[in-house]
Amino acid sequence: MRVLSCTLLLIVVAALKFASPQTGHETEGPTTRSRWEYKAHRLDARQCSSEQEVAALLNATGQQGWELVSYERLASPLPQEADGTLLIKNAATGPGRANNPQTADSLEGKITMKLADAQPSPCRLLFKRQAPPADKP
């Protein structure tokens, strides 16, 4: 019985020792957050359309430690000019069609337009890399 009680006492002491947090001898320093720096490259429409130029830029920035985060095709500007015609005529589609002569209570029409050709759009590439550690005084 004595052996059993000593064994139980040792198990309880060991459980309490391992369950309680260690205090006094902490060797870990404060946690540091990673710092990042970013770089954006804007390419014109001709450069964005050339796989060779985009690959050359990616390779050059990658060799400097930069990592591609995003690629965005920028919106094309809307054409400034358009040719077309707009034909509108009176229409009696509602209660006005019962009148004699009919009265126009709505319009119906047709529009035909031709916009200038859309131009290719530029693009933007965003890169990041881990910033060098800040010097501590």
Protein backbone atom coordinates (compact mmCIF):
# COMPACT_ATOMS: atom_id res chain seq x y z
CA MET A 1 0.00 0.00 0.00
CA ARG A 2 2.87 2.29 0.84
CA VAL A 3 4.43 1.69 -2.59
CA LEU A 4 1.14 2.49 -4.31
CA SER A 5 0.71 5.77 -2.43
CA CYS A 6 4.31 6.81 -3.16
CA THR A 7 3.82 6.04 -6.84
CA LEU A 8 0.61 8.09 -6.95
CA LEU A 9 2.35 10.97 -5.16
CA LEU A 10 5.20 10.93 -7.70
CA ILE A 11 2.72 10.94 -10.59
CA VAL A 12 0.86 13.94 -9.15
CA VAL A 13 4.11 15.88 -8.53
CA ALA A 14 5.36 15.12 -12.04
CA ALA A 15 2.04 16.18 -13.59
CA LEU A 16 2.08 19.48 -11.69
CA LYS A 17 5.69 20.17 -12.64
CA PHE A 18 5.09 19.65 -16.38
CA ALA A 19 1.70 21.38 -16.39
CA SER A 20 2.89 24.65 -14.81
CA PRO A 21 4.56 27.17 -17.13
CA GLN A 22 8.30 27.63 -16.85
CA THR A 23 9.27 30.91 -15.23
CA GLY A 24 12.61 32.49 -14.68
CA HIS A 25 14.71 30.86 -17.40
CA GLU A 26 13.12 32.04 -20.63
CA THR A 27 15.65 32.04 -23.44
CA GLU A 28 13.37 33.22 -26.24
CA GLY A 29 13.56 36.88 -27.19
CA PRO A 30 10.59 39.01 -28.14
CA THR A 31 8.88 37.95 -31.33
CA THR A 32 9.71 40.09 -34.33
CA ARG A 33 7.39 40.69 -37.22
CA SER A 34 8.53 40.40 -40.78
CA ARG A 35 8.81 43.75 -42.51
CA TRP A 36 8.13 44.02 -46.22
CA GLU A 37 8.94 46.58 -48.85
CA TYR A 38 7.00 46.93 -52.08
CA LYS A 39 7.76 48.00 -55.62
CA ALA A 40 5.35 48.71 -58.48
CA HIS A 41 6.20 48.65 -62.19
CA ARG A 42 3.89 50.13 -64.80
CA LEU A 43 4.36 48.93 -68.36
CA ASP A 44 2.86 50.51 -71.43
CA ALA A 45 0.52 48.56 -73.70
CA ARG A 46 3.29 47.47 -76.08
CA GLN A 47 5.45 46.13 -73.23
CA CYS A 48 2.50 44.31 -71.63
CA SER A 49 1.75 42.56 -74.90
CA SER A 50 5.32 41.28 -75.24
CA GLU A 51 5.95 38.08 -73.28
CA GLN A 52 9.69 38.56 -73.71
CA GLU A 53 9.65 42.01 -72.10
CA VAL A 54 7.46 40.87 -69.20
CA ALA A 55 9.68 37.80 -68.64
CA ALA A 56 12.82 39.96 -68.73
CA LEU A 57 11.36 42.30 -66.09
CA LEU A 58 10.29 39.37 -63.89
CA ASN A 59 13.72 37.75 -64.13
CA ALA A 60 15.60 41.00 -63.39
CA THR A 61 13.49 41.87 -60.34
CA GLY A 62 13.55 38.25 -59.13
CA GLN A 63 17.36 38.29 -59.13
CA GLN A 64 17.20 41.32 -56.81
CA GLY A 65 15.08 39.34 -54.34
CA TRP A 66 11.68 40.70 -55.35
CA GLU A 67 8.65 38.39 -55.49
CA LEU A 68 5.66 39.04 -57.79
CA VAL A 69 2.51 39.71 -55.74
CA SER A 70 0.02 40.81 -58.40
CA TYR A 71 -0.43 41.56 -62.08
CA GLU A 72 -3.16 43.95 -63.15
CA ARG A 73 -4.27 44.96 -66.61
CA LEU A 74 -5.31 48.60 -66.35
CA ALA A 75 -8.56 49.76 -67.89
CA SER A 76 -8.41 51.03 -71.44
CA PRO A 77 -9.56 54.58 -71.92
CA LEU A 78 -12.88 54.83 -73.68
CA PRO A 79 -12.74 55.95 -77.30
CA GLN A 80 -13.09 59.69 -77.67
CA GLU A 81 -14.97 59.59 -80.96
CA ALA A 82 -18.03 57.77 -82.23
CA ASP A 83 -20.12 58.00 -85.38
CA GLY A 84 -23.77 57.11 -85.45
CA THR A 85 -27.36 58.05 -85.96
CA LEU A 86 -30.29 58.24 -83.63
CA LEU A 87 -33.76 57.84 -85.10
CA ILE A 88 -36.71 58.57 -82.83
CA LYS A 89 -40.39 58.53 -83.73
CA ASN A 90 -43.52 59.06 -81.68
CA ALA A 91 -45.34 55.95 -80.63
CA ALA A 92 -48.81 55.49 -79.26
CA THR A 93 -48.44 52.32 -77.22
CA GLY A 94 -50.45 53.16 -74.12
CA PRO A 95 -53.89 54.70 -73.59
CA GLY A 96 -53.15 57.35 -76.23
CA ARG A 97 -53.50 54.85 -79.09
CA ALA A 98 -57.32 54.83 -78.64
CA ASN A 99 -57.51 58.53 -79.48
CA ASN A 100 -58.17 59.68 -82.99
CA PRO A 101 -55.67 61.00 -84.02
CA GLN A 102 -53.36 59.00 -81.81
CA THR A 103 -51.36 60.92 -79.25
CA ALA A 104 -47.76 60.02 -78.56
CA ASP A 105 -47.30 58.78 -75.05
CA SER A 106 -43.92 57.16 -75.65
CA LEU A 107 -41.05 57.12 -78.07
CA GLU A 108 -39.46 54.32 -79.96
CA GLY A 109 -36.23 54.57 -81.77
CA LYS A 110 -33.09 53.02 -83.02
CA ILE A 111 -29.50 54.00 -82.43
CA THR A 112 -26.59 52.87 -84.52
CA MET A 113 -23.07 53.70 -83.41
CA LYS A 114 -19.58 52.76 -84.37
CA LEU A 115 -16.90 53.38 -81.77
CA ALA A 116 -13.25 53.82 -82.54
CA ASP A 117 -11.11 50.71 -82.17
CA ALA A 118 -10.10 49.95 -78.60
CA GLN A 119 -6.44 50.34 -77.89
CA PRO A 120 -4.46 47.79 -75.84
CA SER A 121 -4.16 48.80 -72.21
CA PRO A 122 -1.10 49.18 -69.98
CA CYS A 123 -0.44 46.91 -67.00
CA ARG A 124 0.99 47.13 -63.51
CA LEU A 125 3.07 44.56 -61.63
CA LEU A 126 3.46 44.68 -57.84
CA PHE A 127 6.47 43.09 -56.13
CA LYS A 128 7.46 42.59 -52.49
CA ARG A 129 10.53 41.44 -50.61
CA GLN A 130 11.50 41.17 -47.00
CA ALA A 131 12.98 44.43 -45.78
CA PRO A 132 16.42 44.34 -44.21
CA PRO A 133 16.32 44.45 -40.40
CA ALA A 134 16.28 47.92 -38.93
CA ASP A 135 19.42 48.93 -37.07
CA LYS A 136 18.84 49.16 -33.34
CA PRO A 137 20.61 51.93 -31.42
